[in-house]
Amino acid sequence: MTENKRATAAAWVDPDDAPELTDEWFDTADVHNGGVLVRRGRGRPKLEAPKKQITLRLDADVIERFRATGPGWQARINEALRKAV
């Protein structure tokens, strides 16, 4: 039988080797208040005009036609609707 190995402790990190905490670092940090995430510090930048999620019922043949064109078919439906407007 093989012997179970105990989890090894993390390697010692010298606090003097820690990176300098700059304003940029704080701008990209997650903000917690009492253990609750208040603001996520990273990710996509906010859009000026974000898309809105809706429910739209389309004919099955229309959906299949767009799906057959491969990944990104929802964006192509959006383009087709934009041209129609």
Protein backbone atom coordinates (compact mmCIF):
# COMPACT_ATOMS: atom_id res chain seq x y z
CA MET A 1 0.00 0.00 0.00
CA THR A 2 1.06 3.53 -0.58
CA GLU A 3 1.35 5.90 2.33
CA ASN A 4 -0.79 9.03 2.46
CA LYS A 5 1.33 12.15 2.30
CA ARG A 6 0.42 15.10 4.46
CA ALA A 7 -0.21 18.42 2.78
CA THR A 8 2.96 20.42 2.65
CA ALA A 9 3.05 23.92 4.04
CA ALA A 10 3.43 26.80 1.60
CA ALA A 11 6.98 27.92 0.99
CA TRP A 12 8.10 30.85 3.14
CA VAL A 13 7.79 34.18 1.39
CA ASP A 14 9.91 36.99 2.72
CA PRO A 15 7.70 40.05 3.34
CA ASP A 16 10.52 42.21 2.00
CA ASP A 17 10.01 40.53 -1.39
CA ALA A 18 6.37 41.67 -1.62
CA PRO A 19 5.55 43.98 -4.54
CA GLU A 20 5.08 47.67 -3.89
CA LEU A 21 1.43 48.61 -3.37
CA THR A 22 0.68 51.39 -5.84
CA ASP A 23 -2.48 53.35 -6.61
CA GLU A 24 -2.87 51.23 -9.75
CA TRP A 25 -2.78 48.04 -7.63
CA PHE A 26 -5.53 49.40 -5.35
CA ASP A 27 -7.64 50.45 -8.36
CA THR A 28 -7.69 46.86 -9.65
CA ALA A 29 -8.24 45.20 -6.25
CA ASP A 30 -11.48 43.59 -5.10
CA VAL A 31 -13.22 45.54 -2.33
CA HIS A 32 -14.77 43.58 0.55
CA ASN A 33 -16.87 44.91 3.42
CA GLY A 34 -17.35 42.48 6.30
CA GLY A 35 -16.45 39.53 4.10
CA VAL A 36 -18.96 40.54 1.40
CA LEU A 37 -17.70 41.43 -2.06
CA VAL A 38 -18.67 45.07 -2.68
CA ARG A 39 -16.83 45.80 -5.92
CA ARG A 40 -14.95 43.56 -8.30
CA GLY A 41 -11.64 45.16 -9.21
CA ARG A 42 -11.05 43.51 -12.55
CA GLY A 43 -12.93 42.48 -15.63
CA ARG A 44 -14.30 44.16 -18.69
CA PRO A 45 -14.64 47.91 -18.72
CA LYS A 46 -18.21 49.18 -18.55
CA LEU A 47 -19.84 49.85 -21.93
CA GLU A 48 -21.47 53.18 -22.75
CA ALA A 49 -24.48 51.39 -24.27
CA PRO A 50 -24.63 47.83 -22.89
CA LYS A 51 -26.86 45.29 -24.59
CA LYS A 52 -30.09 44.33 -22.84
CA GLN A 53 -31.26 40.78 -22.37
CA ILE A 54 -34.78 40.03 -23.61
CA THR A 55 -36.87 37.03 -24.53
CA LEU A 56 -37.64 36.85 -28.23
CA ARG A 57 -39.61 34.14 -29.98
CA LEU A 58 -38.41 33.38 -33.51
CA ASP A 59 -39.43 30.75 -36.04
CA ALA A 60 -37.43 27.53 -35.78
CA ASP A 61 -36.20 27.73 -39.38
CA VAL A 62 -34.79 31.24 -38.78
CA ILE A 63 -32.90 30.07 -35.69
CA GLU A 64 -31.55 26.97 -37.42
CA ARG A 65 -30.39 29.04 -40.40
CA PHE A 66 -28.38 31.36 -38.15
CA ARG A 67 -27.06 28.51 -35.95
CA ALA A 68 -25.81 26.72 -39.06
CA THR A 69 -23.43 29.63 -39.67
CA GLY A 70 -21.46 28.66 -36.53
CA PRO A 71 -20.40 30.44 -33.36
CA GLY A 72 -21.50 34.05 -33.07
CA TRP A 73 -24.90 33.43 -34.61
CA GLN A 74 -26.64 35.55 -31.96
CA ALA A 75 -24.45 38.53 -32.90
CA ARG A 76 -25.35 37.97 -36.56
CA ILE A 77 -29.06 38.07 -35.68
CA ASN A 78 -28.38 41.37 -33.91
CA GLU A 79 -26.64 42.70 -37.06
CA ALA A 80 -29.54 41.61 -39.26
CA LEU A 81 -32.05 43.31 -36.96
CA ARG A 82 -29.91 46.46 -36.85
CA LYS A 83 -29.91 46.59 -40.69
CA ALA A 84 -33.70 46.18 -40.70
CA VAL A 85 -34.16 49.15 -38.39
